[in-house]
Amino acid sequence: MWKIRKLEDGGRKVLNISGRIAAEELEELQKVVSSEEADHQKVELDLKDVKLVDRHVISFLAGCEANGTRLLNCPLYIREWIASESEAEGLED
């Protein structure tokens, strides 16, 4: 189970995400992020309270970051997993 709170901080949009996010919830998370970016303003994802994610979510977060979305307060295990996935993709090319 996960929750998302939308915050506005000095003209920037921050989505505070908490809980556990699995592939089953990923479509809903993608919709929320896309909806918030609809006005062509990038959002920032605050991951401080994220407890657990799966590989699909890591791929999504890596893609968000590659497209310019900042990952705030990213837990170390998520940061390391994103880096590991990026390295693996680099080896496949």
PDB file of N, CA and C in Angstrom:
ATOM      1  N   MET A   1       0.844  -1.183   0.000  1.00  0.00           N
ATOM      2  CA  MET A   1       0.000   0.000   0.000  1.00  0.00           C
ATOM      3  C   MET A   1       0.883   1.238   0.000  1.00  0.00           C
ATOM      4  N   TRP A   2       0.501   2.215  -0.777  1.00  0.00           N
ATOM      5  CA  TRP A   2       1.266   3.448  -0.868  1.00  0.00           C
ATOM      6  C   TRP A   2       0.333   4.642  -0.878  1.00  0.00           C
ATOM      7  N   LYS A   3       0.896   5.783  -0.582  1.00  0.00           N
ATOM      8  CA  LYS A   3       0.136   7.034  -0.578  1.00  0.00           C
ATOM      9  C   LYS A   3       0.962   8.084  -1.304  1.00  0.00           C
ATOM     10  N   ILE A   4       0.267   9.079  -1.808  1.00  0.00           N
ATOM     11  CA  ILE A   4       0.948  10.187  -2.454  1.00  0.00           C
ATOM     12  C   ILE A   4       0.287  11.479  -2.011  1.00  0.00           C
ATOM     13  N   ARG A   5       1.115  12.452  -1.676  1.00  0.00           N
ATOM     14  CA  ARG A   5       0.628  13.783  -1.319  1.00  0.00           C
ATOM     15  C   ARG A   5       1.232  14.772  -2.298  1.00  0.00           C
ATOM     16  N   LYS A   6       0.419  15.692  -2.759  1.00  0.00           N
ATOM     17  CA  LYS A   6       0.876  16.726  -3.682  1.00  0.00           C
ATOM     18  C   LYS A   6       1.153  17.994  -2.898  1.00  0.00           C
ATOM     19  N   LEU A   7       2.351  18.517  -3.065  1.00  0.00           N
ATOM     20  CA  LEU A   7       2.747  19.731  -2.376  1.00  0.00           C
ATOM     21  C   LEU A   7       3.241  20.751  -3.384  1.00  0.00           C
ATOM     22  N   GLU A   8       3.021  22.019  -3.106  1.00  0.00           N
ATOM     23  CA  GLU A   8       3.588  23.104  -3.912  1.00  0.00           C
ATOM     24  C   GLU A   8       4.568  23.812  -2.997  1.00  0.00           C
ATOM     25  N   ASP A   9       5.796  23.933  -3.464  1.00  0.00           N
ATOM     26  CA  ASP A   9       6.837  24.545  -2.651  1.00  0.00           C
ATOM     27  C   ASP A   9       7.577  25.577  -3.485  1.00  0.00           C
ATOM     28  N   GLY A  10       7.240  26.834  -3.281  1.00  0.00           N
ATOM     29  CA  GLY A  10       7.926  27.899  -4.003  1.00  0.00           C
ATOM     30  C   GLY A  10       7.833  27.786  -5.508  1.00  0.00           C
ATOM     31  N   GLY A  11       6.668  27.434  -6.022  1.00  0.00           N
ATOM     32  CA  GLY A  11       6.478  27.340  -7.466  1.00  0.00           C
ATOM     33  C   GLY A  11       6.857  25.999  -8.061  1.00  0.00           C
ATOM     34  N   ARG A  12       7.318  25.074  -7.269  1.00  0.00           N
ATOM     35  CA  ARG A  12       7.625  23.749  -7.809  1.00  0.00           C
ATOM     36  C   ARG A  12       6.655  22.727  -7.218  1.00  0.00           C
ATOM     37  N   LYS A  13       6.394  21.699  -7.987  1.00  0.00           N
ATOM     38  CA  LYS A  13       5.483  20.649  -7.549  1.00  0.00           C
ATOM     39  C   LYS A  13       6.299  19.495  -6.980  1.00  0.00           C
ATOM     40  N   VAL A  14       5.917  19.071  -5.795  1.00  0.00           N
ATOM     41  CA  VAL A  14       6.581  17.950  -5.153  1.00  0.00           C
ATOM     42  C   VAL A  14       5.526  16.898  -4.845  1.00  0.00           C
ATOM     43  N   LEU A  15       5.784  15.680  -5.285  1.00  0.00           N
ATOM     44  CA  LEU A  15       4.914  14.558  -4.951  1.00  0.00           C
ATOM     45  C   LEU A  15       5.620  13.741  -3.880  1.00  0.00           C
ATOM     46  N   ASN A  16       5.044  13.744  -2.686  1.00  0.00           N
ATOM     47  CA  ASN A  16       5.607  12.994  -1.572  1.00  0.00           C
ATOM     48  C   ASN A  16       4.992  11.600  -1.595  1.00  0.00           C
ATOM     49  N   ILE A  17       5.829  10.609  -1.804  1.00  0.00           N
ATOM     50  CA  ILE A  17       5.358   9.232  -1.930  1.00  0.00           C
ATOM     51  C   ILE A  17       5.781   8.461  -0.685  1.00  0.00           C
ATOM     52  N   SER A  18       4.870   7.644  -0.157  1.00  0.00           N
ATOM     53  CA  SER A  18       5.195   6.848   1.018  1.00  0.00           C
ATOM     54  C   SER A  18       4.638   5.447   0.876  1.00  0.00           C
ATOM     55  N   GLY A  19       5.250   4.528   1.601  1.00  0.00           N
ATOM     56  CA  GLY A  19       4.769   3.154   1.644  1.00  0.00           C
ATOM     57  C   GLY A  19       5.517   2.218   0.714  1.00  0.00           C
ATOM     58  N   ARG A  20       4.817   1.177   0.306  1.00  0.00           N
ATOM     59  CA  ARG A  20       5.375   0.153  -0.575  1.00  0.00           C
ATOM     60  C   ARG A  20       4.736   0.271  -1.946  1.00  0.00           C
ATOM     61  N   ILE A  21       5.575   0.249  -2.984  1.00  0.00           N
ATOM     62  CA  ILE A  21       5.056   0.379  -4.348  1.00  0.00           C
ATOM     63  C   ILE A  21       5.497  -0.844  -5.141  1.00  0.00           C
ATOM     64  N   ALA A  22       4.530  -1.549  -5.683  1.00  0.00           N
ATOM     65  CA  ALA A  22       4.816  -2.722  -6.509  1.00  0.00           C
ATOM     66  C   ALA A  22       4.282  -2.486  -7.915  1.00  0.00           C
ATOM     67  N   ALA A  23       4.586  -3.396  -8.808  1.00  0.00           N
ATOM     68  CA  ALA A  23       4.188  -3.272 -10.212  1.00  0.00           C
ATOM     69  C   ALA A  23       2.686  -3.034 -10.357  1.00  0.00           C
ATOM     70  N   GLU A  24       1.887  -3.613  -9.473  1.00  0.00           N
ATOM     71  CA  GLU A  24       0.440  -3.478  -9.565  1.00  0.00           C
ATOM     72  C   GLU A  24      -0.015  -2.028  -9.405  1.00  0.00           C
ATOM     73  N   GLU A  25       0.730  -1.245  -8.639  1.00  0.00           N
ATOM     74  CA  GLU A  25       0.367   0.151  -8.411  1.00  0.00           C
ATOM     75  C   GLU A  25       1.067   1.117  -9.370  1.00  0.00           C
ATOM     76  N   LEU A  26       1.979   0.608 -10.162  1.00  0.00           N
ATOM     77  CA  LEU A  26       2.806   1.469 -10.999  1.00  0.00           C
ATOM     78  C   LEU A  26       1.998   2.272 -12.004  1.00  0.00           C
ATOM     79  N   GLU A  27       0.990   1.680 -12.599  1.00  0.00           N
ATOM     80  CA  GLU A  27       0.180   2.403 -13.584  1.00  0.00           C
ATOM     81  C   GLU A  27      -0.471   3.630 -12.955  1.00  0.00           C
ATOM     82  N   GLU A  28      -0.974   3.474 -11.746  1.00  0.00           N
ATOM     83  CA  GLU A  28      -1.595   4.604 -11.058  1.00  0.00           C
ATOM     84  C   GLU A  28      -0.559   5.697 -10.759  1.00  0.00           C
ATOM     85  N   LEU A  29       0.631   5.309 -10.323  1.00  0.00           N
ATOM     86  CA  LEU A  29       1.691   6.274 -10.060  1.00  0.00           C
ATOM     87  C   LEU A  29       2.093   7.004 -11.339  1.00  0.00           C
ATOM     88  N   GLN A  30       2.209   6.278 -12.426  1.00  0.00           N
ATOM     89  CA  GLN A  30       2.550   6.900 -13.714  1.00  0.00           C
ATOM     90  C   GLN A  30       1.500   7.927 -14.118  1.00  0.00           C
ATOM     91  N   LYS A  31       0.236   7.601 -13.910  1.00  0.00           N
ATOM     92  CA  LYS A  31      -0.851   8.530 -14.248  1.00  0.00           C
ATOM     93  C   LYS A  31      -0.763   9.803 -13.421  1.00  0.00           C
ATOM     94  N   VAL A  32      -0.483   9.667 -12.136  1.00  0.00           N
ATOM     95  CA  VAL A  32      -0.394  10.839 -11.264  1.00  0.00           C
ATOM     96  C   VAL A  32       0.756  11.734 -11.717  1.00  0.00           C
ATOM     97  N   VAL A  33       1.920  11.149 -11.982  1.00  0.00           N
ATOM     98  CA  VAL A  33       3.081  11.936 -12.406  1.00  0.00           C
ATOM     99  C   VAL A  33       2.790  12.608 -13.742  1.00  0.00           C
ATOM    100  N   SER A  34       2.230  11.864 -14.693  1.00  0.00           N
ATOM    101  CA  SER A  34       1.903  12.441 -16.003  1.00  0.00           C
ATOM    102  C   SER A  34       0.897  13.568 -15.874  1.00  0.00           C
ATOM    103  N   SER A  35      -0.096  13.382 -15.033  1.00  0.00           N
ATOM    104  CA  SER A  35      -1.119  14.397 -14.823  1.00  0.00           C
ATOM    105  C   SER A  35      -0.508  15.676 -14.267  1.00  0.00           C
ATOM    106  N   GLU A  36       0.398  15.542 -13.334  1.00  0.00           N
ATOM    107  CA  GLU A  36       1.026  16.712 -12.725  1.00  0.00           C
ATOM    108  C   GLU A  36       1.977  17.408 -13.696  1.00  0.00           C
ATOM    109  N   GLU A  37       2.532  16.663 -14.638  1.00  0.00           N
ATOM    110  CA  GLU A  37       3.445  17.242 -15.620  1.00  0.00           C
ATOM    111  C   GLU A  37       2.708  17.772 -16.855  1.00  0.00           C
ATOM    112  N   ALA A  38       1.387  17.644 -16.872  1.00  0.00           N
ATOM    113  CA  ALA A  38       0.594  18.021 -18.038  1.00  0.00           C
ATOM    114  C   ALA A  38       0.771  19.485 -18.427  1.00  0.00           C
ATOM    115  N   ASP A  39       1.049  20.333 -17.449  1.00  0.00           N
ATOM    116  CA  ASP A  39       1.245  21.752 -17.769  1.00  0.00           C
ATOM    117  C   ASP A  39       2.705  22.063 -18.086  1.00  0.00           C
ATOM    118  N   HIS A  40       3.465  21.032 -18.421  1.00  0.00           N
ATOM    119  CA  HIS A  40       4.864  21.135 -18.832  1.00  0.00           C
ATOM    120  C   HIS A  40       5.777  21.636 -17.726  1.00  0.00           C
ATOM    121  N   GLN A  41       5.341  21.491 -16.496  1.00  0.00           N
ATOM    122  CA  GLN A  41       6.185  21.822 -15.352  1.00  0.00           C
ATOM    123  C   GLN A  41       6.646  20.507 -14.738  1.00  0.00           C
ATOM    124  N   LYS A  42       7.944  20.352 -14.599  1.00  0.00           N
ATOM    125  CA  LYS A  42       8.466  19.126 -14.017  1.00  0.00           C
ATOM    126  C   LYS A  42       8.060  19.023 -12.556  1.00  0.00           C
ATOM    127  N   VAL A  43       7.839  17.818 -12.126  1.00  0.00           N
ATOM    128  CA  VAL A  43       7.568  17.576 -10.721  1.00  0.00           C
ATOM    129  C   VAL A  43       8.822  16.960 -10.101  1.00  0.00           C
ATOM    130  N   GLU A  44       8.871  17.002  -8.806  1.00  0.00           N
ATOM    131  CA  GLU A  44       9.934  16.348  -8.063  1.00  0.00           C
ATOM    132  C   GLU A  44       9.286  15.269  -7.225  1.00  0.00           C
ATOM    133  N   LEU A  45       9.927  14.125  -7.148  1.00  0.00           N
ATOM    134  CA  LEU A  45       9.395  13.008  -6.365  1.00  0.00           C
ATOM    135  C   LEU A  45      10.182  12.906  -5.066  1.00  0.00           C
ATOM    136  N   ASP A  46       9.495  13.066  -3.951  1.00  0.00           N
ATOM    137  CA  ASP A  46      10.114  12.936  -2.636  1.00  0.00           C
ATOM    138  C   ASP A  46       9.900  11.494  -2.172  1.00  0.00           C
ATOM    139  N   LEU A  47      10.988  10.751  -2.080  1.00  0.00           N
ATOM    140  CA  LEU A  47      10.908   9.315  -1.783  1.00  0.00           C
ATOM    141  C   LEU A  47      11.306   8.986  -0.348  1.00  0.00           C
ATOM    142  N   LYS A  48      11.375   9.989   0.496  1.00  0.00           N
ATOM    143  CA  LYS A  48      11.849   9.798   1.865  1.00  0.00           C
ATOM    144  C   LYS A  48      11.112   8.684   2.606  1.00  0.00           C
ATOM    145  N   ASP A  49       9.812   8.588   2.399  1.00  0.00           N
ATOM    146  CA  ASP A  49       8.997   7.638   3.156  1.00  0.00           C
ATOM    147  C   ASP A  49       8.668   6.361   2.382  1.00  0.00           C
ATOM    148  N   VAL A  50       9.359   6.123   1.270  1.00  0.00           N
ATOM    149  CA  VAL A  50       9.149   4.887   0.515  1.00  0.00           C
ATOM    150  C   VAL A  50       9.866   3.758   1.241  1.00  0.00           C
ATOM    151  N   LYS A  51       9.153   2.694   1.483  1.00  0.00           N
ATOM    152  CA  LYS A  51       9.713   1.576   2.252  1.00  0.00           C
ATOM    153  C   LYS A  51      10.207   0.426   1.382  1.00  0.00           C
ATOM    154  N   LEU A  52       9.502   0.159   0.275  1.00  0.00           N
ATOM    155  CA  LEU A  52       9.848  -0.993  -0.546  1.00  0.00           C
ATOM    156  C   LEU A  52       9.342  -0.762  -1.960  1.00  0.00           C
ATOM    157  N   VAL A  53      10.165  -1.124  -2.941  1.00  0.00           N
ATOM    158  CA  VAL A  53       9.780  -1.046  -4.351  1.00  0.00           C
ATOM    159  C   VAL A  53      10.221  -2.328  -5.038  1.00  0.00           C
ATOM    160  N   ASP A  54       9.710  -2.543  -6.250  1.00  0.00           N
ATOM    161  CA  ASP A  54      10.176  -3.697  -7.017  1.00  0.00           C
ATOM    162  C   ASP A  54      10.886  -3.214  -8.276  1.00  0.00           C
ATOM    163  N   ARG A  55      11.343  -4.148  -9.072  1.00  0.00           N
ATOM    164  CA  ARG A  55      12.152  -3.835 -10.262  1.00  0.00           C
ATOM    165  C   ARG A  55      11.424  -2.914 -11.236  1.00  0.00           C
ATOM    166  N   HIS A  56      10.121  -3.099 -11.410  1.00  0.00           N
ATOM    167  CA  HIS A  56       9.344  -2.269 -12.334  1.00  0.00           C
ATOM    168  C   HIS A  56       9.347  -0.805 -11.881  1.00  0.00           C
ATOM    169  N   VAL A  57       9.231  -0.611 -10.590  1.00  0.00           N
ATOM    170  CA  VAL A  57       9.232   0.743 -10.042  1.00  0.00           C
ATOM    171  C   VAL A  57      10.614   1.376 -10.210  1.00  0.00           C
ATOM    172  N   ILE A  58      11.664   0.589 -10.016  1.00  0.00           N
ATOM    173  CA  ILE A  58      13.030   1.086 -10.217  1.00  0.00           C
ATOM    174  C   ILE A  58      13.201   1.560 -11.658  1.00  0.00           C
ATOM    175  N   SER A  59      12.719   0.785 -12.615  1.00  0.00           N
ATOM    176  CA  SER A  59      12.815   1.187 -14.021  1.00  0.00           C
ATOM    177  C   SER A  59      12.067   2.483 -14.268  1.00  0.00           C
ATOM    178  N   PHE A  60      10.887   2.611 -13.671  1.00  0.00           N
ATOM    179  CA  PHE A  60      10.107   3.838 -13.810  1.00  0.00           C
ATOM    180  C   PHE A  60      10.847   5.030 -13.212  1.00  0.00           C
ATOM    181  N   LEU A  61      11.375   4.873 -12.008  1.00  0.00           N
ATOM    182  CA  LEU A  61      12.092   5.966 -11.350  1.00  0.00           C
ATOM    183  C   LEU A  61      13.343   6.354 -12.134  1.00  0.00           C
ATOM    184  N   ALA A  62      14.048   5.369 -12.653  1.00  0.00           N
ATOM    185  CA  ALA A  62      15.238   5.661 -13.465  1.00  0.00           C
ATOM    186  C   ALA A  62      14.847   6.451 -14.706  1.00  0.00           C
ATOM    187  N   GLY A  63      13.739   6.079 -15.331  1.00  0.00           N
ATOM    188  CA  GLY A  63      13.249   6.798 -16.498  1.00  0.00           C
ATOM    189  C   GLY A  63      12.839   8.224 -16.158  1.00  0.00           C
ATOM    190  N   CYS A  64      12.184   8.385 -15.022  1.00  0.00           N
ATOM    191  CA  CYS A  64      11.797   9.730 -14.572  1.00  0.00           C
ATOM    192  C   CYS A  64      13.043  10.595 -14.417  1.00  0.00           C
ATOM    193  N   GLU A  65      14.034  10.050 -13.740  1.00  0.00           N
ATOM    194  CA  GLU A  65      15.254  10.811 -13.497  1.00  0.00           C
ATOM    195  C   GLU A  65      15.969  11.137 -14.807  1.00  0.00           C
ATOM    196  N   ALA A  66      16.001  10.187 -15.723  1.00  0.00           N
ATOM    197  CA  ALA A  66      16.635  10.413 -17.022  1.00  0.00           C
ATOM    198  C   ALA A  66      15.932  11.517 -17.805  1.00  0.00           C
ATOM    199  N   ASN A  67      14.633  11.700 -17.551  1.00  0.00           N
ATOM    200  CA  ASN A  67      13.854  12.747 -18.230  1.00  0.00           C
ATOM    201  C   ASN A  67      13.833  14.062 -17.471  1.00  0.00           C
ATOM    202  N   GLY A  68      14.638  14.170 -16.411  1.00  0.00           N
ATOM    203  CA  GLY A  68      14.768  15.433 -15.706  1.00  0.00           C
ATOM    204  C   GLY A  68      13.999  15.569 -14.414  1.00  0.00           C
ATOM    205  N   THR A  69      13.294  14.547 -14.002  1.00  0.00           N
ATOM    206  CA  THR A  69      12.570  14.589 -12.738  1.00  0.00           C
ATOM    207  C   THR A  69      13.551  14.339 -11.603  1.00  0.00           C
ATOM    208  N   ARG A  70      13.556  15.243 -10.628  1.00  0.00           N
ATOM    209  CA  ARG A  70      14.450  15.062  -9.479  1.00  0.00           C
ATOM    210  C   ARG A  70      13.840  14.078  -8.496  1.00  0.00           C
ATOM    211  N   LEU A  71      14.692  13.184  -7.983  1.00  0.00           N
ATOM    212  CA  LEU A  71      14.295  12.251  -6.942  1.00  0.00           C
ATOM    213  C   LEU A  71      14.857  12.781  -5.634  1.00  0.00           C
ATOM    214  N   LEU A  72      13.996  13.346  -4.805  1.00  0.00           N
ATOM    215  CA  LEU A  72      14.409  13.929  -3.540  1.00  0.00           C
ATOM    216  C   LEU A  72      14.416  12.879  -2.445  1.00  0.00           C
ATOM    217  N   ASN A  73      15.349  12.996  -1.521  1.00  0.00           N
ATOM    218  CA  ASN A  73      15.419  12.110  -0.348  1.00  0.00           C
ATOM    219  C   ASN A  73      15.339  10.641  -0.743  1.00  0.00           C
ATOM    220  N   CYS A  74      16.030  10.293  -1.808  1.00  0.00           N
ATOM    221  CA  CYS A  74      15.992   8.939  -2.344  1.00  0.00           C
ATOM    222  C   CYS A  74      16.744   7.981  -1.412  1.00  0.00           C
ATOM    223  N   PRO A  75      16.066   6.952  -0.899  1.00  0.00           N
ATOM    224  CA  PRO A  75      16.753   5.990  -0.032  1.00  0.00           C
ATOM    225  C   PRO A  75      17.953   5.365  -0.760  1.00  0.00           C
ATOM    226  N   LEU A  76      18.981   5.077   0.008  1.00  0.00           N
ATOM    227  CA  LEU A  76      20.216   4.561  -0.564  1.00  0.00           C
ATOM    228  C   LEU A  76      19.991   3.288  -1.379  1.00  0.00           C
ATOM    229  N   TYR A  77      19.145   2.376  -0.894  1.00  0.00           N
ATOM    230  CA  TYR A  77      18.954   1.127  -1.631  1.00  0.00           C
ATOM    231  C   TYR A  77      18.313   1.382  -2.995  1.00  0.00           C
ATOM    232  N   ILE A  78      17.448   2.387  -3.091  1.00  0.00           N
ATOM    233  CA  ILE A  78      16.834   2.721  -4.374  1.00  0.00           C
ATOM    234  C   ILE A  78      17.878   3.354  -5.291  1.00  0.00           C
ATOM    235  N   ARG A  79      18.669   4.276  -4.752  1.00  0.00           N
ATOM    236  CA  ARG A  79      19.719   4.930  -5.536  1.00  0.00           C
ATOM    237  C   ARG A  79      20.702   3.889  -6.086  1.00  0.00           C
ATOM    238  N   GLU A  80      21.121   2.950  -5.246  1.00  0.00           N
ATOM    239  CA  GLU A  80      22.064   1.916  -5.676  1.00  0.00           C
ATOM    240  C   GLU A  80      21.435   0.991  -6.722  1.00  0.00           C
ATOM    241  N   TRP A  81      20.165   0.677  -6.559  1.00  0.00           N
ATOM    242  CA  TRP A  81      19.482  -0.202  -7.505  1.00  0.00           C
ATOM    243  C   TRP A  81      19.341   0.477  -8.855  1.00  0.00           C
ATOM    244  N   ILE A  82      19.013   1.764  -8.852  1.00  0.00           N
ATOM    245  CA  ILE A  82      18.927   2.515 -10.104  1.00  0.00           C
ATOM    246  C   ILE A  82      20.287   2.507 -10.803  1.00  0.00           C
ATOM    247  N   ALA A  83      21.348   2.758 -10.040  1.00  0.00           N
ATOM    248  CA  ALA A  83      22.700   2.761 -10.618  1.00  0.00           C
ATOM    249  C   ALA A  83      23.053   1.394 -11.180  1.00  0.00           C
ATOM    250  N   SER A  84      22.692   0.349 -10.471  1.00  0.00           N
ATOM    251  CA  SER A  84      22.968  -1.016 -10.922  1.00  0.00           C
ATOM    252  C   SER A  84      22.215  -1.332 -12.212  1.00  0.00           C
ATOM    253  N   GLU A  85      20.948  -0.929 -12.278  1.00  0.00           N
ATOM    254  CA  GLU A  85      20.148  -1.160 -13.480  1.00  0.00           C
ATOM    255  C   GLU A  85      20.729  -0.377 -14.668  1.00  0.00           C
ATOM    256  N   SER A  86      21.159   0.849 -14.403  1.00  0.00           N
ATOM    257  CA  SER A  86      21.737   1.687 -15.462  1.00  0.00           C
ATOM    258  C   SER A  86      23.014   1.052 -16.003  1.00  0.00           C
ATOM    259  N   GLU A  87      23.842   0.535 -15.100  1.00  0.00           N
ATOM    260  CA  GLU A  87      25.074  -0.136 -15.535  1.00  0.00           C
ATOM    261  C   GLU A  87      24.754  -1.374 -16.357  1.00  0.00           C
ATOM    262  N   ALA A  88      23.766  -2.142 -15.916  1.00  0.00           N
ATOM    263  CA  ALA A  88      23.387  -3.359 -16.643  1.00  0.00           C
ATOM    264  C   ALA A  88      22.880  -3.019 -18.035  1.00  0.00           C
ATOM    265  N   GLU A  89      22.089  -1.959 -18.159  1.00  0.00           N
ATOM    266  CA  GLU A  89      21.600  -1.542 -19.464  1.00  0.00           C
ATOM    267  C   GLU A  89      22.742  -1.083 -20.350  1.00  0.00           C
ATOM    268  N   GLY A  90      23.729  -0.428 -19.764  1.00  0.00           N
ATOM    269  CA  GLY A  90      24.898   0.028 -20.514  1.00  0.00           C
ATOM    270  C   GLY A  90      25.699  -1.139 -21.066  1.00  0.00           C
ATOM    271  N   LEU A  91      25.747  -2.230 -20.336  1.00  0.00           N
ATOM    272  CA  LEU A  91      26.462  -3.414 -20.781  1.00  0.00           C
ATOM    273  C   LEU A  91      25.739  -4.121 -21.921  1.00  0.00           C
ATOM    274  N   GLU A  92      24.400  -3.993 -21.942  1.00  0.00           N
ATOM    275  CA  GLU A  92      23.604  -4.662 -22.974  1.00  0.00           C
ATOM    276  C   GLU A  92      23.676  -3.951 -24.320  1.00  0.00           C
ATOM    277  N   ASP A  93      23.990  -2.672 -24.326  1.00  0.00           N
ATOM    278  CA  ASP A  93      24.014  -1.900 -25.571  1.00  0.00           C
ATOM    279  C   ASP A  93      25.125  -2.298 -26.489  1.00  0.00           C
TER     280      ASP A  93
END
